[in-house]
Amino acid sequence: MKKNKYISLLLIGFCLFTNAQVGVGMQSPNANAQLDITSTNKGFLLPRVALVATNNPAPLTSHVAGMTVYNTATNTSAAANPVYPGEYYNDGTQWQRNSALNDVKMIAGGTIADLLSSTPVDVPAGSPVNTTLATFSFTLDRPSSVDFGGNISMSFTANGDSNTPVGDSSVKVVTVNFIFTSAPAGVAVNTPFGGSTMTYMNATTANITTITGNLYTAPHALLQLPAGNYVVTITGTASGASPFRVNYGSGIRDLAQIKATPTK
């Protein structure tokens, strides 16, 4: 009878334990946490596994939403689904990388130095003129989300003259784009992206009798790009019904920033 009594107490205790919160390092875990770990000199160590590819659950037997691991392997044999050392979580269909701050790569920018010197360009009537303003070369060692941004100044004056405001009534249009001139297979080259357009109408400056002020465009794009080597330019395209001069880089705040965050 005494033996049965002890067994009953053990079963009751086990049931109470399995239905309560678990605390490590404290006696009273948070009521909202199933597992509460407290320590002032130790960390929580994720399971360390060697993943095969983001679309492959191995070494697990299936994808499990919410599963979190630290991957120790580098495997690029599955070109579209490579894995690299770091923390990954599973969304139920594939592994997703948790990007750390030191994963982010600043390719261009990050300073307040003026990017462009003054570049005057004469634009004939009816004929668009393309001008390369800056060129950047970079390499992505893994698939990444790449943020392209810029702040490009310009002023408008009479054709062939940087000191006389435009004196006609026609509209001038300038678009500043990013353009890949070299990129891995599958990425379009010589195709503008992230364009920002400035439309200059004489009516807005009818009372200006000196050099026109600086106007700014802000080209921007966020692209998902594969690993490989890239060359990208910032290009201005100017056109108008009558001739004029656009002076790129006429201001002192011309900036460009290209920032890559790994997605694998």
C-alpha atoms as a PDB file:
ATOM      1  CA  MET A   1       0.000   0.000   0.000  1.00  0.00           C
ATOM      2  CA  LYS A   2       2.850   2.391   0.884  1.00  0.00           C
ATOM      3  CA  LYS A   3       4.504   1.620  -2.475  1.00  0.00           C
ATOM      4  CA  ASN A   4       1.331   2.507  -4.358  1.00  0.00           C
ATOM      5  CA  LYS A   5       1.101   5.765  -2.406  1.00  0.00           C
ATOM      6  CA  TYR A   6       4.617   6.813  -3.480  1.00  0.00           C
ATOM      7  CA  ILE A   7       3.913   5.940  -7.092  1.00  0.00           C
ATOM      8  CA  SER A   8       0.753   8.068  -7.013  1.00  0.00           C
ATOM      9  CA  LEU A   9       2.673  11.035  -5.585  1.00  0.00           C
ATOM     10  CA  LEU A  10       5.348  10.698  -8.281  1.00  0.00           C
ATOM     11  CA  LEU A  11       2.734  10.626 -11.040  1.00  0.00           C
ATOM     12  CA  ILE A  12       0.998  13.716  -9.631  1.00  0.00           C
ATOM     13  CA  GLY A  13       4.333  15.534  -9.387  1.00  0.00           C
ATOM     14  CA  PHE A  14       5.265  14.598 -12.961  1.00  0.00           C
ATOM     15  CA  CYS A  15       1.935  15.887 -14.285  1.00  0.00           C
ATOM     16  CA  LEU A  16       2.325  19.172 -12.412  1.00  0.00           C
ATOM     17  CA  PHE A  17       5.872  19.582 -13.771  1.00  0.00           C
ATOM     18  CA  THR A  18       4.979  18.843 -17.397  1.00  0.00           C
ATOM     19  CA  ASN A  19       2.093  21.351 -17.370  1.00  0.00           C
ATOM     20  CA  ALA A  20       4.040  24.199 -15.771  1.00  0.00           C
ATOM     21  CA  GLN A  21       6.598  26.670 -17.036  1.00  0.00           C
ATOM     22  CA  VAL A  22      10.196  25.522 -16.946  1.00  0.00           C
ATOM     23  CA  GLY A  23      12.787  27.774 -15.373  1.00  0.00           C
ATOM     24  CA  VAL A  24      16.542  27.428 -15.704  1.00  0.00           C
ATOM     25  CA  GLY A  25      18.517  29.532 -13.255  1.00  0.00           C
ATOM     26  CA  MET A  26      15.460  30.716 -11.288  1.00  0.00           C
ATOM     27  CA  GLN A  27      12.720  29.248  -9.102  1.00  0.00           C
ATOM     28  CA  SER A  28       9.797  31.243 -10.541  1.00  0.00           C
ATOM     29  CA  PRO A  29       9.826  31.377 -14.361  1.00  0.00           C
ATOM     30  CA  ASN A  30       7.798  33.998 -16.192  1.00  0.00           C
ATOM     31  CA  ALA A  31       4.177  32.911 -16.413  1.00  0.00           C
ATOM     32  CA  ASN A  32       4.050  33.789 -20.122  1.00  0.00           C
ATOM     33  CA  ALA A  33       7.089  31.690 -21.040  1.00  0.00           C
ATOM     34  CA  GLN A  34       7.141  27.925 -21.376  1.00  0.00           C
ATOM     35  CA  LEU A  35      10.922  28.071 -20.927  1.00  0.00           C
ATOM     36  CA  ASP A  36      12.626  30.886 -19.005  1.00  0.00           C
ATOM     37  CA  ILE A  37      16.438  30.898 -18.854  1.00  0.00           C
ATOM     38  CA  THR A  38      18.249  33.338 -16.566  1.00  0.00           C
ATOM     39  CA  SER A  39      21.999  33.780 -16.273  1.00  0.00           C
ATOM     40  CA  THR A  40      24.441  36.643 -15.769  1.00  0.00           C
ATOM     41  CA  ASN A  41      27.486  34.870 -17.190  1.00  0.00           C
ATOM     42  CA  LYS A  42      26.285  32.221 -19.656  1.00  0.00           C
ATOM     43  CA  GLY A  43      24.487  32.240 -23.000  1.00  0.00           C
ATOM     44  CA  PHE A  44      21.978  30.100 -24.853  1.00  0.00           C
ATOM     45  CA  LEU A  45      23.650  27.796 -27.382  1.00  0.00           C
ATOM     46  CA  LEU A  46      21.615  26.879 -30.447  1.00  0.00           C
ATOM     47  CA  PRO A  47      21.915  23.367 -31.899  1.00  0.00           C
ATOM     48  CA  ARG A  48      24.823  23.351 -34.381  1.00  0.00           C
ATOM     49  CA  VAL A  49      24.038  21.491 -37.583  1.00  0.00           C
ATOM     50  CA  ALA A  50      25.364  21.254 -41.135  1.00  0.00           C
ATOM     51  CA  LEU A  51      22.601  22.370 -43.499  1.00  0.00           C
ATOM     52  CA  VAL A  52      22.662  21.218 -47.131  1.00  0.00           C
ATOM     53  CA  ALA A  53      20.529  23.835 -48.906  1.00  0.00           C
ATOM     54  CA  THR A  54      17.812  26.291 -47.930  1.00  0.00           C
ATOM     55  CA  ASN A  55      15.157  24.182 -49.680  1.00  0.00           C
ATOM     56  CA  ASN A  56      16.392  20.922 -48.099  1.00  0.00           C
ATOM     57  CA  PRO A  57      15.348  20.166 -44.490  1.00  0.00           C
ATOM     58  CA  ALA A  58      18.404  17.922 -43.875  1.00  0.00           C
ATOM     59  CA  PRO A  59      19.705  17.040 -41.382  1.00  0.00           C
ATOM     60  CA  LEU A  60      16.079  17.320 -40.214  1.00  0.00           C
ATOM     61  CA  THR A  61      13.619  14.887 -41.757  1.00  0.00           C
ATOM     62  CA  SER A  62      11.159  17.640 -42.741  1.00  0.00           C
ATOM     63  CA  HIS A  63      10.695  21.407 -42.689  1.00  0.00           C
ATOM     64  CA  VAL A  64       9.311  22.518 -39.320  1.00  0.00           C
ATOM     65  CA  ALA A  65       8.041  26.080 -38.989  1.00  0.00           C
ATOM     66  CA  GLY A  66       9.777  27.895 -36.136  1.00  0.00           C
ATOM     67  CA  MET A  67      12.798  25.599 -35.976  1.00  0.00           C
ATOM     68  CA  THR A  68      15.994  27.572 -35.300  1.00  0.00           C
ATOM     69  CA  VAL A  69      19.563  26.306 -35.691  1.00  0.00           C
ATOM     70  CA  TYR A  70      23.120  27.532 -36.157  1.00  0.00           C
ATOM     71  CA  ASN A  71      24.459  26.287 -39.477  1.00  0.00           C
ATOM     72  CA  THR A  72      28.151  25.347 -39.546  1.00  0.00           C
ATOM     73  CA  ALA A  73      28.420  24.478 -43.249  1.00  0.00           C
ATOM     74  CA  THR A  74      29.097  26.362 -46.473  1.00  0.00           C
ATOM     75  CA  ASN A  75      27.426  24.690 -49.435  1.00  0.00           C
ATOM     76  CA  THR A  76      27.017  26.456 -52.777  1.00  0.00           C
ATOM     77  CA  SER A  77      26.448  23.351 -54.909  1.00  0.00           C
ATOM     78  CA  ALA A  78      22.730  24.203 -55.049  1.00  0.00           C
ATOM     79  CA  ALA A  79      23.221  27.523 -56.801  1.00  0.00           C
ATOM     80  CA  ALA A  80      19.732  28.883 -56.112  1.00  0.00           C
ATOM     81  CA  ASN A  81      19.643  27.695 -52.494  1.00  0.00           C
ATOM     82  CA  PRO A  82      23.138  27.993 -50.967  1.00  0.00           C
ATOM     83  CA  VAL A  83      23.834  28.027 -47.239  1.00  0.00           C
ATOM     84  CA  TYR A  84      26.578  29.764 -45.260  1.00  0.00           C
ATOM     85  CA  PRO A  85      27.577  29.640 -41.585  1.00  0.00           C
ATOM     86  CA  GLY A  86      25.136  31.544 -39.419  1.00  0.00           C
ATOM     87  CA  GLU A  87      21.759  31.420 -37.707  1.00  0.00           C
ATOM     88  CA  TYR A  88      18.807  30.058 -39.703  1.00  0.00           C
ATOM     89  CA  TYR A  89      15.130  29.613 -38.942  1.00  0.00           C
ATOM     90  CA  ASN A  90      12.643  27.441 -40.800  1.00  0.00           C
ATOM     91  CA  ASP A  91       9.388  28.928 -42.129  1.00  0.00           C
ATOM     92  CA  GLY A  92       7.787  25.569 -42.779  1.00  0.00           C
ATOM     93  CA  THR A  93       8.898  25.357 -46.412  1.00  0.00           C
ATOM     94  CA  GLN A  94      12.592  26.324 -46.328  1.00  0.00           C
ATOM     95  CA  TRP A  95      15.450  27.673 -44.221  1.00  0.00           C
ATOM     96  CA  GLN A  96      15.701  31.460 -43.905  1.00  0.00           C
ATOM     97  CA  ARG A  97      18.888  33.206 -42.813  1.00  0.00           C
ATOM     98  CA  ASN A  98      18.867  35.618 -39.873  1.00  0.00           C
ATOM     99  CA  SER A  99      21.212  38.334 -41.126  1.00  0.00           C
ATOM    100  CA  ALA A 100      23.575  39.840 -38.583  1.00  0.00           C
ATOM    101  CA  LEU A 101      24.830  43.423 -38.608  1.00  0.00           C
ATOM    102  CA  ASN A 102      28.297  42.332 -39.713  1.00  0.00           C
ATOM    103  CA  ASP A 103      26.731  40.583 -42.744  1.00  0.00           C
ATOM    104  CA  VAL A 104      25.744  43.967 -44.209  1.00  0.00           C
ATOM    105  CA  LYS A 105      28.274  45.219 -46.746  1.00  0.00           C
ATOM    106  CA  MET A 106      28.549  48.912 -47.628  1.00  0.00           C
ATOM    107  CA  ILE A 107      29.685  48.884 -51.271  1.00  0.00           C
ATOM    108  CA  ALA A 108      29.556  52.630 -51.851  1.00  0.00           C
ATOM    109  CA  GLY A 109      28.698  55.599 -49.687  1.00  0.00           C
ATOM    110  CA  GLY A 110      28.656  55.844 -45.930  1.00  0.00           C
ATOM    111  CA  THR A 111      30.403  59.238 -45.960  1.00  0.00           C
ATOM    112  CA  ILE A 112      29.298  62.832 -46.481  1.00  0.00           C
ATOM    113  CA  ALA A 113      31.903  63.591 -49.154  1.00  0.00           C
ATOM    114  CA  ASP A 114      30.476  65.217 -52.289  1.00  0.00           C
ATOM    115  CA  LEU A 115      30.297  62.534 -54.989  1.00  0.00           C
ATOM    116  CA  LEU A 116      30.229  64.641 -58.147  1.00  0.00           C
ATOM    117  CA  SER A 117      32.212  67.577 -59.451  1.00  0.00           C
ATOM    118  CA  SER A 118      30.436  70.047 -61.719  1.00  0.00           C
ATOM    119  CA  THR A 119      29.678  68.393 -65.076  1.00  0.00           C
ATOM    120  CA  PRO A 120      28.014  70.692 -67.661  1.00  0.00           C
ATOM    121  CA  VAL A 121      26.237  68.966 -70.552  1.00  0.00           C
ATOM    122  CA  ASP A 122      24.716  70.784 -73.542  1.00  0.00           C
ATOM    123  CA  VAL A 123      21.482  69.185 -74.747  1.00  0.00           C
ATOM    124  CA  PRO A 124      20.266  69.874 -78.305  1.00  0.00           C
ATOM    125  CA  ALA A 125      16.571  70.273 -79.094  1.00  0.00           C
ATOM    126  CA  GLY A 126      14.724  66.974 -79.397  1.00  0.00           C
ATOM    127  CA  SER A 127      17.758  64.735 -78.868  1.00  0.00           C
ATOM    128  CA  PRO A 128      18.185  62.964 -75.482  1.00  0.00           C
ATOM    129  CA  VAL A 129      21.748  63.003 -74.139  1.00  0.00           C
ATOM    130  CA  ASN A 130      23.047  60.271 -71.800  1.00  0.00           C
ATOM    131  CA  THR A 131      25.890  61.121 -69.416  1.00  0.00           C
ATOM    132  CA  THR A 132      27.702  58.690 -67.098  1.00  0.00           C
ATOM    133  CA  LEU A 133      28.111  60.450 -63.759  1.00  0.00           C
ATOM    134  CA  ALA A 134      29.722  57.725 -61.608  1.00  0.00           C
ATOM    135  CA  THR A 135      30.773  54.072 -61.919  1.00  0.00           C
ATOM    136  CA  PHE A 136      31.006  51.419 -59.192  1.00  0.00           C
ATOM    137  CA  SER A 137      32.388  47.861 -59.389  1.00  0.00           C
ATOM    138  CA  PHE A 138      31.602  45.279 -56.715  1.00  0.00           C
ATOM    139  CA  THR A 139      31.399  41.560 -56.023  1.00  0.00           C
ATOM    140  CA  LEU A 140      28.661  39.718 -54.123  1.00  0.00           C
ATOM    141  CA  ASP A 141      29.929  36.516 -52.513  1.00  0.00           C
ATOM    142  CA  ARG A 142      26.382  35.251 -51.962  1.00  0.00           C
ATOM    143  CA  PRO A 143      22.794  36.109 -53.021  1.00  0.00           C
ATOM    144  CA  SER A 144      21.894  39.459 -51.464  1.00  0.00           C
ATOM    145  CA  SER A 145      19.281  42.153 -51.176  1.00  0.00           C
ATOM    146  CA  VAL A 146      21.041  45.228 -52.586  1.00  0.00           C
ATOM    147  CA  ASP A 147      19.844  48.765 -51.853  1.00  0.00           C
ATOM    148  CA  PHE A 148      20.823  51.404 -54.435  1.00  0.00           C
ATOM    149  CA  GLY A 149      20.304  55.046 -53.505  1.00  0.00           C
ATOM    150  CA  GLY A 150      21.479  58.459 -54.635  1.00  0.00           C
ATOM    151  CA  ASN A 151      21.062  62.207 -54.291  1.00  0.00           C
ATOM    152  CA  ILE A 152      22.153  63.940 -57.493  1.00  0.00           C
ATOM    153  CA  SER A 153      22.074  67.724 -58.010  1.00  0.00           C
ATOM    154  CA  MET A 154      21.641  69.715 -61.215  1.00  0.00           C
ATOM    155  CA  SER A 155      20.994  73.224 -62.454  1.00  0.00           C
ATOM    156  CA  PHE A 156      19.553  74.463 -65.753  1.00  0.00           C
ATOM    157  CA  THR A 157      21.008  77.319 -67.812  1.00  0.00           C
ATOM    158  CA  ALA A 158      21.102  78.520 -71.395  1.00  0.00           C
ATOM    159  CA  ASN A 159      22.731  76.250 -73.943  1.00  0.00           C
ATOM    160  CA  GLY A 160      26.504  76.746 -73.971  1.00  0.00           C
ATOM    161  CA  ASP A 161      26.419  79.085 -70.966  1.00  0.00           C
ATOM    162  CA  SER A 162      26.656  78.184 -67.290  1.00  0.00           C
ATOM    163  CA  ASN A 163      25.888  81.700 -66.076  1.00  0.00           C
ATOM    164  CA  THR A 164      22.628  82.603 -67.824  1.00  0.00           C
ATOM    165  CA  PRO A 165      19.242  81.247 -66.720  1.00  0.00           C
ATOM    166  CA  VAL A 166      17.150  79.486 -69.334  1.00  0.00           C
ATOM    167  CA  GLY A 167      15.164  82.062 -71.288  1.00  0.00           C
ATOM    168  CA  ASP A 168      12.622  80.002 -73.223  1.00  0.00           C
ATOM    169  CA  SER A 169       9.295  78.531 -72.162  1.00  0.00           C
ATOM    170  CA  SER A 170       9.811  74.865 -73.092  1.00  0.00           C
ATOM    171  CA  VAL A 171       9.951  71.955 -70.653  1.00  0.00           C
ATOM    172  CA  LYS A 172      13.256  70.236 -69.850  1.00  0.00           C
ATOM    173  CA  VAL A 173      13.339  66.703 -68.479  1.00  0.00           C
ATOM    174  CA  VAL A 174      16.257  64.963 -66.752  1.00  0.00           C
ATOM    175  CA  THR A 175      16.129  61.395 -65.387  1.00  0.00           C
ATOM    176  CA  VAL A 176      18.897  59.890 -63.264  1.00  0.00           C
ATOM    177  CA  ASN A 177      19.109  56.072 -63.291  1.00  0.00           C
ATOM    178  CA  PHE A 178      21.278  53.190 -62.205  1.00  0.00           C
ATOM    179  CA  ILE A 179      22.420  50.928 -65.065  1.00  0.00           C
ATOM    180  CA  PHE A 180      24.324  47.634 -64.934  1.00  0.00           C
ATOM    181  CA  THR A 181      26.990  47.536 -67.619  1.00  0.00           C
ATOM    182  CA  SER A 182      28.236  44.140 -66.427  1.00  0.00           C
ATOM    183  CA  ALA A 183      26.416  41.541 -64.310  1.00  0.00           C
ATOM    184  CA  PRO A 184      26.008  37.759 -63.873  1.00  0.00           C
ATOM    185  CA  ALA A 185      23.794  35.795 -66.250  1.00  0.00           C
ATOM    186  CA  GLY A 186      20.116  36.473 -65.663  1.00  0.00           C
ATOM    187  CA  VAL A 187      20.590  40.097 -64.576  1.00  0.00           C
ATOM    188  CA  ALA A 188      19.630  42.671 -67.232  1.00  0.00           C
ATOM    189  CA  VAL A 189      22.457  44.919 -68.415  1.00  0.00           C
ATOM    190  CA  ASN A 190      22.186  48.306 -70.151  1.00  0.00           C
ATOM    191  CA  THR A 191      18.660  48.627 -68.732  1.00  0.00           C
ATOM    192  CA  PRO A 192      17.934  51.652 -66.500  1.00  0.00           C
ATOM    193  CA  PHE A 193      16.448  51.037 -63.045  1.00  0.00           C
ATOM    194  CA  GLY A 194      15.649  53.092 -59.954  1.00  0.00           C
ATOM    195  CA  GLY A 195      15.040  56.254 -62.014  1.00  0.00           C
ATOM    196  CA  SER A 196      14.227  59.660 -60.538  1.00  0.00           C
ATOM    197  CA  THR A 197      12.983  62.421 -62.859  1.00  0.00           C
ATOM    198  CA  MET A 198      13.243  66.203 -62.628  1.00  0.00           C
ATOM    199  CA  THR A 199      10.975  68.307 -64.862  1.00  0.00           C
ATOM    200  CA  TYR A 200      12.150  71.901 -65.245  1.00  0.00           C
ATOM    201  CA  MET A 201       9.626  74.481 -66.387  1.00  0.00           C
ATOM    202  CA  ASN A 202      10.635  78.054 -67.072  1.00  0.00           C
ATOM    203  CA  ALA A 203       7.520  79.337 -65.337  1.00  0.00           C
ATOM    204  CA  THR A 204       8.957  78.301 -61.983  1.00  0.00           C
ATOM    205  CA  THR A 205      12.025  80.503 -62.503  1.00  0.00           C
ATOM    206  CA  ALA A 206      10.559  83.422 -64.453  1.00  0.00           C
ATOM    207  CA  ASN A 207      11.818  85.961 -61.931  1.00  0.00           C
ATOM    208  CA  ILE A 208      15.328  84.551 -61.567  1.00  0.00           C
ATOM    209  CA  THR A 209      17.902  86.858 -63.098  1.00  0.00           C
ATOM    210  CA  THR A 210      21.043  85.070 -61.894  1.00  0.00           C
ATOM    211  CA  ILE A 211      22.215  81.465 -62.008  1.00  0.00           C
ATOM    212  CA  THR A 212      19.413  79.037 -61.280  1.00  0.00           C
ATOM    213  CA  GLY A 213      19.458  77.187 -57.967  1.00  0.00           C
ATOM    214  CA  ASN A 214      20.295  73.534 -57.499  1.00  0.00           C
ATOM    215  CA  LEU A 215      17.605  70.896 -57.930  1.00  0.00           C
ATOM    216  CA  TYR A 216      17.949  67.289 -56.767  1.00  0.00           C
ATOM    217  CA  THR A 217      16.893  63.846 -57.956  1.00  0.00           C
ATOM    218  CA  ALA A 218      16.875  60.770 -55.721  1.00  0.00           C
ATOM    219  CA  PRO A 219      17.281  57.526 -57.719  1.00  0.00           C
ATOM    220  CA  HIS A 220      16.526  54.421 -55.651  1.00  0.00           C
ATOM    221  CA  ALA A 221      16.002  50.675 -56.104  1.00  0.00           C
ATOM    222  CA  LEU A 222      16.048  47.540 -53.943  1.00  0.00           C
ATOM    223  CA  LEU A 223      17.053  44.430 -55.928  1.00  0.00           C
ATOM    224  CA  GLN A 224      17.482  40.746 -55.112  1.00  0.00           C
ATOM    225  CA  LEU A 225      20.745  39.806 -56.845  1.00  0.00           C
ATOM    226  CA  PRO A 226      22.748  36.574 -57.234  1.00  0.00           C
ATOM    227  CA  ALA A 227      26.414  36.188 -56.321  1.00  0.00           C
ATOM    228  CA  GLY A 228      28.877  37.459 -58.904  1.00  0.00           C
ATOM    229  CA  ASN A 229      30.727  40.479 -60.265  1.00  0.00           C
ATOM    230  CA  TYR A 230      28.921  43.725 -61.095  1.00  0.00           C
ATOM    231  CA  VAL A 231      29.624  47.112 -62.676  1.00  0.00           C
ATOM    232  CA  VAL A 232      26.910  49.739 -62.211  1.00  0.00           C
ATOM    233  CA  THR A 233      26.766  53.362 -63.331  1.00  0.00           C
ATOM    234  CA  ILE A 234      24.735  56.384 -62.309  1.00  0.00           C
ATOM    235  CA  THR A 235      23.565  57.901 -65.581  1.00  0.00           C
ATOM    236  CA  GLY A 236      21.738  61.125 -66.378  1.00  0.00           C
ATOM    237  CA  THR A 237      19.439  61.361 -69.425  1.00  0.00           C
ATOM    238  CA  ALA A 238      18.411  64.898 -70.450  1.00  0.00           C
ATOM    239  CA  SER A 239      16.025  66.053 -73.179  1.00  0.00           C
ATOM    240  CA  GLY A 240      13.975  69.086 -74.175  1.00  0.00           C
ATOM    241  CA  ALA A 241      12.099  70.715 -77.039  1.00  0.00           C
ATOM    242  CA  SER A 242      14.666  73.508 -77.164  1.00  0.00           C
ATOM    243  CA  PRO A 243      18.427  73.431 -76.423  1.00  0.00           C
ATOM    244  CA  PHE A 244      19.668  73.976 -72.867  1.00  0.00           C
ATOM    245  CA  ARG A 245      22.544  73.152 -70.541  1.00  0.00           C
ATOM    246  CA  VAL A 246      22.193  70.902 -67.522  1.00  0.00           C
ATOM    247  CA  ASN A 247      24.981  71.084 -64.999  1.00  0.00           C
ATOM    248  CA  TYR A 248      25.141  67.828 -63.021  1.00  0.00           C
ATOM    249  CA  GLY A 249      26.873  67.986 -59.646  1.00  0.00           C
ATOM    250  CA  SER A 250      26.278  71.703 -59.314  1.00  0.00           C
ATOM    251  CA  GLY A 251      25.425  71.292 -55.628  1.00  0.00           C
ATOM    252  CA  ILE A 252      27.507  70.141 -52.679  1.00  0.00           C
ATOM    253  CA  ARG A 253      25.374  67.219 -51.473  1.00  0.00           C
ATOM    254  CA  ASP A 254      25.767  64.672 -54.272  1.00  0.00           C
ATOM    255  CA  LEU A 255      25.751  61.223 -52.700  1.00  0.00           C
ATOM    256  CA  ALA A 256      25.437  57.577 -53.698  1.00  0.00           C
ATOM    257  CA  GLN A 257      24.989  54.536 -51.491  1.00  0.00           C
ATOM    258  CA  ILE A 258      24.993  50.850 -52.401  1.00  0.00           C
ATOM    259  CA  LYS A 259      24.431  48.435 -49.513  1.00  0.00           C
ATOM    260  CA  ALA A 260      24.183  44.625 -49.701  1.00  0.00           C
ATOM    261  CA  THR A 261      22.500  42.358 -47.124  1.00  0.00           C
ATOM    262  CA  PRO A 262      22.917  38.572 -47.652  1.00  0.00           C
ATOM    263  CA  THR A 263      19.663  36.661 -48.029  1.00  0.00           C
ATOM    264  CA  LYS A 264      21.189  33.156 -47.918  1.00  0.00           C
END
